[in-house]
Amino acid sequence: MTDAKLIRILKTCIVIGLCLILLGIYLHNFNATIEAMGVKGIIISAMCVAFGMALSLPTKMYLTFILVKRESDKTNHADK
């Protein structure tokens, strides 16, 4: 797998994670159906936020490591 494909996949995971977080916030604050469900509704909205965080946070760290490594490789090749 090339770096470009890996970076595209990681960026997609970040976007999906952020969308899940926003969905969870919307469900918790603005959706009357989730409010009417009581505890089950809270669990549904919390699971959206939890899965969104699980997708977005580790992916950001890994993407940062890849980009830093790529930049250091470019710098090393430029010095030679």
N, C-alpha and C. Protein backbone atom coordinates (compact mmCIF):
# COMPACT_ATOMS: atom_id res chain seq x y z
N MET A 1 0.85 -1.18 0.00
CA MET A 1 0.00 0.00 0.00
C MET A 1 0.90 1.24 0.00
N THR A 2 0.62 2.13 -0.87
CA THR A 2 1.43 3.34 -0.95
C THR A 2 1.04 4.33 0.14
N ASP A 3 1.92 5.28 0.37
CA ASP A 3 1.64 6.30 1.39
C ASP A 3 0.43 7.13 1.04
N ALA A 4 0.25 7.42 -0.24
CA ALA A 4 -0.89 8.25 -0.65
C ALA A 4 -2.21 7.55 -0.33
N LYS A 5 -2.28 6.24 -0.61
CA LYS A 5 -3.51 5.50 -0.30
C LYS A 5 -3.74 5.43 1.20
N LEU A 6 -2.67 5.19 1.95
CA LEU A 6 -2.79 5.10 3.40
C LEU A 6 -3.25 6.42 3.99
N ILE A 7 -2.70 7.51 3.51
CA ILE A 7 -3.09 8.83 4.00
C ILE A 7 -4.55 9.11 3.64
N ARG A 8 -4.97 8.73 2.45
CA ARG A 8 -6.37 8.93 2.06
C ARG A 8 -7.31 8.12 2.96
N ILE A 9 -6.94 6.88 3.27
CA ILE A 9 -7.76 6.05 4.16
C ILE A 9 -7.83 6.65 5.56
N LEU A 10 -6.70 7.14 6.06
CA LEU A 10 -6.67 7.73 7.39
C LEU A 10 -7.50 9.01 7.45
N LYS A 11 -7.41 9.82 6.41
CA LYS A 11 -8.22 11.04 6.36
C LYS A 11 -9.70 10.71 6.31
N THR A 12 -10.05 9.65 5.59
CA THR A 12 -11.45 9.21 5.53
C THR A 12 -11.93 8.76 6.90
N CYS A 13 -11.07 8.04 7.64
CA CYS A 13 -11.43 7.62 8.99
C CYS A 13 -11.65 8.82 9.90
N ILE A 14 -10.81 9.83 9.75
CA ILE A 14 -10.97 11.04 10.56
C ILE A 14 -12.31 11.71 10.26
N VAL A 15 -12.65 11.83 8.99
CA VAL A 15 -13.91 12.47 8.60
C VAL A 15 -15.11 11.67 9.12
N ILE A 16 -15.05 10.35 8.98
CA ILE A 16 -16.15 9.51 9.48
C ILE A 16 -16.26 9.65 11.00
N GLY A 17 -15.13 9.68 11.68
CA GLY A 17 -15.13 9.85 13.13
C GLY A 17 -15.74 11.17 13.56
N LEU A 18 -15.36 12.23 12.88
CA LEU A 18 -15.92 13.55 13.21
C LEU A 18 -17.42 13.60 12.92
N CYS A 19 -17.84 12.96 11.83
CA CYS A 19 -19.28 12.91 11.53
C CYS A 19 -20.05 12.14 12.60
N LEU A 20 -19.48 11.05 13.09
CA LEU A 20 -20.13 10.30 14.16
C LEU A 20 -20.22 11.12 15.44
N ILE A 21 -19.17 11.86 15.74
CA ILE A 21 -19.20 12.72 16.93
C ILE A 21 -20.30 13.76 16.79
N LEU A 22 -20.37 14.40 15.64
CA LEU A 22 -21.41 15.41 15.42
C LEU A 22 -22.80 14.79 15.44
N LEU A 23 -22.94 13.58 14.90
CA LEU A 23 -24.23 12.89 14.95
C LEU A 23 -24.64 12.61 16.39
N GLY A 24 -23.69 12.15 17.19
CA GLY A 24 -23.99 11.88 18.60
C GLY A 24 -24.41 13.14 19.34
N ILE A 25 -23.74 14.24 19.07
CA ILE A 25 -24.11 15.52 19.71
C ILE A 25 -25.50 15.96 19.26
N TYR A 26 -25.76 15.82 17.96
CA TYR A 26 -27.08 16.19 17.45
C TYR A 26 -28.17 15.33 18.10
N LEU A 27 -27.94 14.03 18.13
CA LEU A 27 -28.95 13.13 18.72
C LEU A 27 -29.19 13.46 20.19
N HIS A 28 -28.13 13.76 20.91
CA HIS A 28 -28.27 14.02 22.33
C HIS A 28 -28.96 15.35 22.62
N ASN A 29 -28.67 16.35 21.81
CA ASN A 29 -29.18 17.69 22.13
C ASN A 29 -30.48 18.06 21.41
N PHE A 30 -30.68 17.57 20.20
CA PHE A 30 -31.76 18.12 19.38
C PHE A 30 -32.81 17.12 18.91
N ASN A 31 -32.63 15.83 19.11
CA ASN A 31 -33.55 14.84 18.57
C ASN A 31 -34.55 14.42 19.65
N ALA A 32 -35.81 14.65 19.38
CA ALA A 32 -36.86 14.33 20.37
C ALA A 32 -37.06 12.82 20.51
N THR A 33 -36.84 12.07 19.46
CA THR A 33 -37.01 10.61 19.53
C THR A 33 -36.02 10.00 20.49
N ILE A 34 -34.77 10.44 20.42
CA ILE A 34 -33.74 9.92 21.32
C ILE A 34 -34.07 10.31 22.76
N GLU A 35 -34.58 11.51 22.95
CA GLU A 35 -34.96 11.96 24.29
C GLU A 35 -36.11 11.12 24.84
N ALA A 36 -37.05 10.77 23.98
CA ALA A 36 -38.19 9.95 24.41
C ALA A 36 -37.78 8.53 24.75
N MET A 37 -36.68 8.07 24.19
CA MET A 37 -36.22 6.70 24.45
C MET A 37 -35.62 6.55 25.83
N GLY A 38 -35.27 7.65 26.47
CA GLY A 38 -34.72 7.60 27.82
C GLY A 38 -33.27 7.15 27.82
N VAL A 39 -32.98 6.16 28.67
CA VAL A 39 -31.60 5.69 28.84
C VAL A 39 -31.07 5.06 27.55
N LYS A 40 -31.91 4.34 26.83
CA LYS A 40 -31.47 3.75 25.57
C LYS A 40 -31.06 4.82 24.57
N GLY A 41 -31.76 5.92 24.54
CA GLY A 41 -31.40 7.02 23.66
C GLY A 41 -30.07 7.64 24.03
N ILE A 42 -29.83 7.78 25.34
CA ILE A 42 -28.55 8.31 25.79
C ILE A 42 -27.42 7.36 25.40
N ILE A 43 -27.66 6.08 25.52
CA ILE A 43 -26.64 5.10 25.15
C ILE A 43 -26.35 5.17 23.65
N ILE A 44 -27.38 5.32 22.84
CA ILE A 44 -27.18 5.42 21.38
C ILE A 44 -26.34 6.64 21.03
N SER A 45 -26.69 7.79 21.61
CA SER A 45 -25.93 9.00 21.29
C SER A 45 -24.51 8.91 21.84
N ALA A 46 -24.34 8.31 23.01
CA ALA A 46 -23.00 8.15 23.58
C ALA A 46 -22.15 7.19 22.75
N MET A 47 -22.78 6.15 22.19
CA MET A 47 -22.03 5.21 21.35
C MET A 47 -21.56 5.88 20.06
N CYS A 48 -22.38 6.75 19.51
CA CYS A 48 -21.95 7.50 18.31
C CYS A 48 -20.72 8.34 18.62
N VAL A 49 -20.76 9.03 19.75
CA VAL A 49 -19.61 9.86 20.13
C VAL A 49 -18.39 8.98 20.41
N ALA A 50 -18.59 7.86 21.12
CA ALA A 50 -17.47 6.98 21.47
C ALA A 50 -16.82 6.38 20.22
N PHE A 51 -17.62 5.89 19.28
CA PHE A 51 -17.04 5.33 18.06
C PHE A 51 -16.37 6.41 17.23
N GLY A 52 -16.94 7.60 17.23
CA GLY A 52 -16.31 8.71 16.52
C GLY A 52 -14.96 9.07 17.10
N MET A 53 -14.87 9.09 18.42
CA MET A 53 -13.59 9.37 19.07
C MET A 53 -12.59 8.25 18.79
N ALA A 54 -13.06 7.01 18.84
CA ALA A 54 -12.17 5.88 18.58
C ALA A 54 -11.63 5.90 17.16
N LEU A 55 -12.42 6.39 16.21
CA LEU A 55 -11.95 6.48 14.83
C LEU A 55 -11.04 7.68 14.60
N SER A 56 -11.34 8.79 15.21
CA SER A 56 -10.63 10.01 14.83
C SER A 56 -9.33 10.24 15.60
N LEU A 57 -9.29 10.00 16.88
CA LEU A 57 -8.10 10.37 17.66
C LEU A 57 -6.86 9.53 17.35
N PRO A 58 -6.90 8.21 17.39
CA PRO A 58 -5.68 7.46 17.06
C PRO A 58 -5.25 7.66 15.62
N THR A 59 -6.21 7.86 14.75
CA THR A 59 -5.90 8.07 13.34
C THR A 59 -5.12 9.37 13.15
N LYS A 60 -5.49 10.41 13.88
CA LYS A 60 -4.78 11.68 13.78
C LYS A 60 -3.33 11.52 14.22
N MET A 61 -3.11 10.78 15.30
CA MET A 61 -1.74 10.57 15.77
C MET A 61 -0.93 9.80 14.74
N TYR A 62 -1.48 8.75 14.17
CA TYR A 62 -0.76 7.95 13.19
C TYR A 62 -0.49 8.76 11.93
N LEU A 63 -1.47 9.53 11.49
CA LEU A 63 -1.29 10.37 10.31
C LEU A 63 -0.19 11.40 10.55
N THR A 64 -0.13 11.97 11.75
CA THR A 64 0.92 12.92 12.09
C THR A 64 2.29 12.26 12.02
N PHE A 65 2.41 11.03 12.55
CA PHE A 65 3.69 10.32 12.49
C PHE A 65 4.11 10.05 11.06
N ILE A 66 3.18 9.66 10.21
CA ILE A 66 3.50 9.41 8.80
C ILE A 66 3.99 10.69 8.12
N LEU A 67 3.29 11.79 8.35
CA LEU A 67 3.67 13.05 7.71
C LEU A 67 5.02 13.56 8.22
N VAL A 68 5.30 13.40 9.51
CA VAL A 68 6.59 13.82 10.05
C VAL A 68 7.70 12.96 9.47
N LYS A 69 7.47 11.66 9.35
CA LYS A 69 8.47 10.76 8.77
C LYS A 69 8.73 11.13 7.31
N ARG A 70 7.68 11.42 6.57
CA ARG A 70 7.83 11.81 5.16
C ARG A 70 8.64 13.09 5.05
N GLU A 71 8.36 14.06 5.91
CA GLU A 71 9.08 15.33 5.88
C GLU A 71 10.56 15.13 6.24
N SER A 72 10.84 14.28 7.22
CA SER A 72 12.24 14.05 7.59
C SER A 72 12.98 13.30 6.49
N ASP A 73 12.30 12.39 5.80
CA ASP A 73 12.92 11.70 4.66
C ASP A 73 13.24 12.68 3.54
N LYS A 74 12.35 13.62 3.27
CA LYS A 74 12.61 14.63 2.23
C LYS A 74 13.79 15.51 2.61
N THR A 75 13.87 15.87 3.90
CA THR A 75 14.96 16.70 4.38
C THR A 75 16.29 15.95 4.27
N ASN A 76 16.30 14.65 4.61
CA ASN A 76 17.52 13.85 4.52
C ASN A 76 17.98 13.71 3.08
N HIS A 77 17.06 13.52 2.15
CA HIS A 77 17.42 13.39 0.74
C HIS A 77 17.90 14.72 0.18
N ALA A 78 17.38 15.83 0.68
CA ALA A 78 17.79 17.15 0.19
C ALA A 78 19.20 17.50 0.68
N ASP A 79 19.57 17.00 1.86
CA ASP A 79 20.89 17.27 2.43
C ASP A 79 21.99 16.51 1.70
N LYS A 80 21.66 15.42 1.08
CA LYS A 80 22.70 14.58 0.43
C LYS A 80 23.14 15.12 -0.87
